[in-house]
Protein backbone atom coordinates (compact mmCIF):
# COMPACT_ATOMS: atom_id res chain seq x y z
CA MET A 1 -55.91 -59.60 196.74
CA ARG A 2 -57.77 -59.78 193.44
CA SER A 3 -57.04 -60.55 189.82
CA SER A 4 -58.50 -59.04 186.70
CA ASN A 5 -58.32 -62.47 185.10
CA PRO A 6 -61.85 -63.82 185.69
CA ALA A 7 -60.35 -67.26 186.22
CA LEU A 8 -58.47 -66.06 189.30
CA ARG A 9 -60.34 -64.91 192.37
CA ASP A 10 -59.50 -64.99 196.05
CA SER A 11 -62.54 -67.11 196.81
CA PHE A 12 -60.90 -70.07 195.10
CA PHE A 13 -57.94 -70.03 197.48
CA GLN A 14 -59.70 -68.98 200.68
CA GLY A 15 -60.52 -71.94 202.82
CA GLN A 16 -58.66 -74.31 200.48
CA ALA A 17 -55.65 -74.94 202.72
CA ILE A 18 -55.09 -78.60 203.58
CA ALA A 19 -53.12 -80.24 206.34
CA SER A 20 -51.29 -82.78 204.15
CA ALA A 21 -48.16 -82.48 202.07
CA ASP A 22 -50.24 -82.79 198.89
CA ARG A 23 -50.38 -79.08 198.21
CA MET A 24 -50.17 -76.75 195.25
CA THR A 25 -46.66 -75.71 194.21
CA VAL A 26 -45.39 -73.18 191.69
CA GLN A 27 -43.32 -75.92 190.04
CA GLY A 28 -46.46 -78.01 189.64
CA VAL A 29 -48.23 -75.10 187.94
CA ILE A 30 -45.30 -74.66 185.55
CA ALA A 31 -45.32 -78.36 184.63
CA LYS A 32 -49.06 -78.40 184.00
CA THR A 33 -48.88 -75.18 181.99
CA GLY A 34 -46.32 -76.86 179.74
CA LEU A 35 -48.67 -79.82 179.30
CA MET A 36 -51.58 -77.51 178.43
CA LEU A 37 -49.40 -75.73 175.87
CA LEU A 38 -48.74 -79.13 174.31
CA PHE A 39 -52.49 -79.79 174.12
CA VAL A 40 -52.98 -76.43 172.40
CA LEU A 41 -50.22 -77.20 169.90
CA LEU A 42 -51.65 -80.64 169.10
CA THR A 43 -55.09 -79.43 168.03
CA ALA A 44 -53.74 -76.21 166.54
CA GLY A 45 -51.40 -78.26 164.37
CA TRP A 46 -54.28 -80.44 163.21
CA THR A 47 -56.42 -77.45 162.20
CA TRP A 48 -53.38 -75.85 160.55
CA MET A 49 -52.80 -78.97 158.41
CA ARG A 50 -56.47 -79.20 157.47
CA PHE A 51 -56.35 -75.61 156.23
CA TYR A 52 -53.35 -76.19 153.98
CA GLN A 53 -54.63 -79.56 152.78
CA SER A 54 -57.76 -77.74 151.57
CA GLY A 55 -55.62 -75.43 149.46
CA GLY A 56 -55.91 -72.53 151.88
CA ASN A 57 -59.71 -72.44 151.98
CA PRO A 58 -60.88 -70.77 155.23
CA SER A 59 -64.28 -72.46 155.02
CA ALA A 60 -62.56 -75.82 155.47
CA VAL A 61 -61.63 -74.96 159.05
CA GLN A 62 -64.38 -72.48 159.93
CA GLY A 63 -66.49 -75.13 161.65
CA MET A 64 -63.56 -76.33 163.76
CA MET A 65 -62.69 -72.76 164.67
CA MET A 66 -66.23 -72.09 165.88
CA LEU A 67 -66.25 -75.38 167.79
CA GLY A 68 -62.98 -74.43 169.44
CA LEU A 69 -64.11 -70.89 170.25
CA PHE A 70 -67.48 -71.72 171.80
CA GLY A 71 -66.41 -75.06 173.23
CA GLY A 72 -63.46 -73.39 174.90
CA PHE A 73 -65.70 -70.66 176.30
CA ILE A 74 -68.12 -73.18 177.82
CA LEU A 75 -65.29 -75.19 179.36
CA ALA A 76 -63.73 -72.01 180.71
CA MET A 77 -66.97 -71.12 182.47
CA VAL A 78 -67.27 -74.63 183.91
CA THR A 79 -63.68 -74.44 185.17
CA VAL A 80 -64.26 -71.05 186.79
CA PHE A 81 -67.28 -72.29 188.72
CA LYS A 82 -65.94 -75.80 189.40
CA PRO A 83 -62.17 -75.46 189.98
CA ALA A 84 -62.06 -78.96 191.51
CA TRP A 85 -62.79 -80.30 188.01
CA SER A 86 -59.96 -78.34 186.43
CA ALA A 87 -57.70 -81.35 185.80
CA VAL A 88 -60.25 -82.44 183.18
CA THR A 89 -61.94 -79.22 182.09
CA ALA A 90 -58.72 -77.22 181.77
CA SER A 91 -57.16 -79.90 179.57
CA PHE A 92 -60.16 -79.95 177.25
CA TYR A 93 -60.20 -76.14 177.28
CA ALA A 94 -56.66 -76.18 175.88
CA LEU A 95 -57.62 -78.72 173.22
CA PHE A 96 -60.64 -76.69 172.10
CA GLN A 97 -58.73 -73.41 172.08
CA GLY A 98 -56.08 -75.04 169.91
CA LEU A 99 -58.70 -75.63 167.22
CA PHE A 100 -59.49 -71.92 167.11
CA ILE A 101 -55.90 -70.73 167.35
CA GLY A 102 -54.72 -73.12 164.65
CA GLY A 103 -57.38 -71.90 162.25
CA ILE A 104 -56.94 -68.18 162.77
CA SER A 105 -53.15 -68.56 162.72
CA ALA A 106 -53.20 -70.42 159.41
CA VAL A 107 -55.54 -67.90 157.77
CA LEU A 108 -53.41 -64.94 158.85
CA GLU A 109 -50.17 -66.71 157.94
CA VAL A 110 -51.32 -66.93 154.32
CA GLN A 111 -52.10 -63.21 154.28
CA PHE A 112 -49.01 -62.13 156.24
CA PRO A 113 -46.20 -64.71 156.00
CA GLY A 114 -44.22 -65.02 159.21
CA ILE A 115 -46.87 -63.45 161.42
CA VAL A 116 -47.40 -66.59 163.53
CA ILE A 117 -43.79 -66.96 164.63
CA GLN A 118 -43.67 -63.24 165.32
CA ALA A 119 -46.80 -63.35 167.49
CA ALA A 120 -45.62 -66.46 169.35
CA THR A 121 -42.18 -64.94 169.99
CA LEU A 122 -43.72 -61.72 171.27
CA THR A 123 -46.13 -63.65 173.53
CA PHE A 124 -43.48 -65.72 175.26
CA GLY A 125 -41.06 -62.83 175.27
CA THR A 126 -43.68 -60.79 177.11
CA LEU A 127 -44.22 -63.63 179.59
CA ALA A 128 -40.48 -63.78 180.26
CA ALA A 129 -40.33 -59.99 180.70
CA MET A 130 -43.26 -60.01 183.13
CA LEU A 131 -41.70 -62.85 185.14
CA PHE A 132 -38.46 -60.88 185.35
CA ALA A 133 -40.29 -57.70 186.35
CA TYR A 134 -42.22 -59.56 189.05
CA GLN A 135 -39.28 -61.47 190.48
CA THR A 136 -37.02 -58.41 190.59
CA GLY A 137 -39.72 -56.16 192.04
CA LEU A 138 -39.70 -53.77 189.08
CA VAL A 139 -43.48 -54.13 189.00
CA ARG A 140 -45.25 -54.63 192.30
CA PRO A 141 -48.86 -55.89 192.33
CA THR A 142 -50.15 -53.41 194.90
CA GLU A 143 -53.85 -52.96 195.51
CA LYS A 144 -53.93 -49.78 193.41
CA PHE A 145 -52.10 -51.57 190.61
CA LYS A 146 -54.58 -54.45 190.70
CA LEU A 147 -57.59 -52.14 190.77
CA GLY A 148 -56.23 -50.26 187.74
CA VAL A 149 -55.70 -53.45 185.75
CA VAL A 150 -59.14 -54.75 186.75
CA ALA A 151 -60.79 -51.53 185.58
CA ALA A 152 -58.86 -51.43 182.31
CA THR A 153 -59.58 -55.09 181.54
CA GLY A 154 -63.27 -54.60 182.27
CA ALA A 155 -63.38 -51.60 179.95
CA ILE A 156 -61.76 -53.57 177.13
CA ALA A 157 -64.18 -56.45 177.65
CA LEU A 158 -67.08 -54.00 177.46
CA VAL A 159 -65.78 -52.48 174.22
CA TYR A 160 -65.41 -55.92 172.63
CA PHE A 161 -68.86 -56.98 173.82
CA LEU A 162 -70.53 -53.85 172.44
CA SER A 163 -68.60 -54.26 169.19
CA LEU A 164 -69.89 -57.83 168.86
CA ILE A 165 -73.49 -56.80 169.52
CA LEU A 166 -73.30 -53.94 167.02
CA ASN A 167 -71.78 -56.23 164.38
CA LEU A 168 -74.78 -58.55 164.73
CA PHE A 169 -76.92 -55.60 163.61
CA GLY A 170 -74.57 -54.72 160.77
CA VAL A 171 -73.00 -51.74 162.54
CA ALA A 172 -69.21 -51.63 162.45
CA VAL A 173 -67.35 -49.89 165.27
CA PRO A 174 -65.12 -47.32 163.56
CA PHE A 175 -61.35 -46.97 163.93
CA ILE A 176 -60.49 -49.55 166.61
CA HIS A 177 -60.60 -52.55 164.28
CA GLY A 178 -58.97 -50.74 161.36
CA SER A 179 -55.31 -50.50 160.38
CA GLY A 180 -55.11 -46.76 161.01
CA MET A 181 -53.21 -45.14 163.85
CA VAL A 182 -56.24 -45.32 166.15
CA GLY A 183 -56.69 -49.03 165.49
CA ILE A 184 -53.01 -49.79 166.04
CA GLY A 185 -52.96 -47.63 169.17
CA PHE A 186 -55.98 -49.49 170.53
CA SER A 187 -54.31 -52.85 169.91
CA LEU A 188 -51.14 -51.64 171.63
CA LEU A 189 -53.24 -50.63 174.64
CA VAL A 190 -54.95 -54.02 174.77
CA VAL A 191 -51.62 -55.85 174.48
CA GLY A 192 -50.29 -53.76 177.36
CA ILE A 193 -53.27 -54.55 179.58
CA ALA A 194 -53.04 -58.26 178.74
CA ALA A 195 -49.34 -58.20 179.66
CA LEU A 196 -50.12 -56.59 183.03
CA ASN A 197 -52.64 -59.35 183.68
CA LEU A 198 -49.70 -61.76 183.64
CA ILE A 199 -48.27 -59.98 186.68
CA LEU A 200 -51.53 -60.45 188.56
CA ASP A 201 -51.77 -64.09 187.49
CA ILE A 202 -48.20 -64.88 188.57
CA ASP A 203 -48.75 -63.20 191.92
CA PHE A 204 -52.03 -65.01 192.47
CA ILE A 205 -50.46 -68.40 191.71
CA GLU A 206 -47.56 -67.71 194.05
CA GLN A 207 -49.91 -66.63 196.82
CA GLY A 208 -52.00 -69.77 196.31
CA ALA A 209 -48.90 -71.94 196.74
CA ARG A 210 -47.92 -70.03 199.88
CA LYS A 211 -51.38 -70.50 201.39
CA GLY A 212 -51.24 -74.26 200.89
CA ALA A 213 -54.00 -74.68 198.32
CA PRO A 214 -54.83 -78.29 197.36
CA LYS A 215 -53.03 -80.04 194.52
CA TYR A 216 -55.82 -79.68 191.97
CA MET A 217 -55.35 -75.92 192.12
CA GLU A 218 -52.17 -76.42 190.10
CA TRP A 219 -54.42 -77.27 187.17
CA TYR A 220 -56.59 -74.28 187.92
CA GLY A 221 -53.61 -71.95 188.13
CA SER A 222 -52.30 -73.31 184.82
CA PHE A 223 -55.70 -72.78 183.23
CA ALA A 224 -55.82 -69.18 184.45
CA LEU A 225 -52.37 -68.46 183.05
CA MET A 226 -53.34 -70.05 179.72
CA VAL A 227 -56.39 -67.79 179.48
CA THR A 228 -54.12 -64.74 179.55
CA LEU A 229 -51.46 -66.22 177.25
CA ILE A 230 -54.03 -67.15 174.60
CA TRP A 231 -55.59 -63.69 174.85
CA LEU A 232 -52.16 -62.09 174.53
CA TYR A 233 -51.24 -64.23 171.49
CA ILE A 234 -54.48 -63.35 169.69
CA GLU A 235 -54.00 -59.66 170.42
CA PHE A 236 -50.46 -59.79 169.06
CA LEU A 237 -51.83 -61.41 165.90
CA ARG A 238 -54.36 -58.58 165.57
CA LEU A 239 -51.73 -55.91 166.17
CA LEU A 240 -49.27 -57.37 163.67
CA ALA A 241 -52.00 -57.85 161.05
CA LYS A 242 -53.02 -54.21 161.40
CA ALA A 243 -49.44 -52.99 161.17
CA ARG A 244 -48.59 -55.12 158.13
CA SER A 245 -51.77 -54.26 156.25
CA ARG A 246 -50.91 -50.54 156.21
């Protein structure tokens, strides 16, 4: 079993089984995911208020956004390599990501009123749909399915990485970041792949609970799910911004 979410790999569950009753449960993951969402909302709300207190000046929150983006990335890498620390690192990851999400949400809300509630509704609606599809067996995470999602996610990551490198040299990647049909189609594709990652994440968490992973893996499973949810929310923001700017 494998996951295209880099935060979820078999190696983190293999050999983790313990002989005590203090084991990972799906209910524990759900509770900790709710707590991490609260952490995100706390710092996102603070950045949001700072933006509006400045009169809608993006430069007032740019520093916090960069701190959240790069701080969250560093903490994500630490969590991936040290899952036993996830109770601490995952919580701070959520706090840092909230700084970035709050800033970008506020900036886009000024440009496109109502876009934040739309993106949030679509994100959690997608999560609910994927949970339903998984529980009812409408979508089965077979090995071929997982390999396809892994390949597609890797391709998207490569496109974004190349786009970032080219932008550093003043070269803009045509079409995919624009509001034309190609750009919107690309965003729809990315949203679809992010949604399919939720299936893999849910399956991985369930398998971890079945295998008797230690209790701290609840934090790690929550962190992994948050990685996908935050990615999905940002992609919905991008898609809606493209569609409404046409």
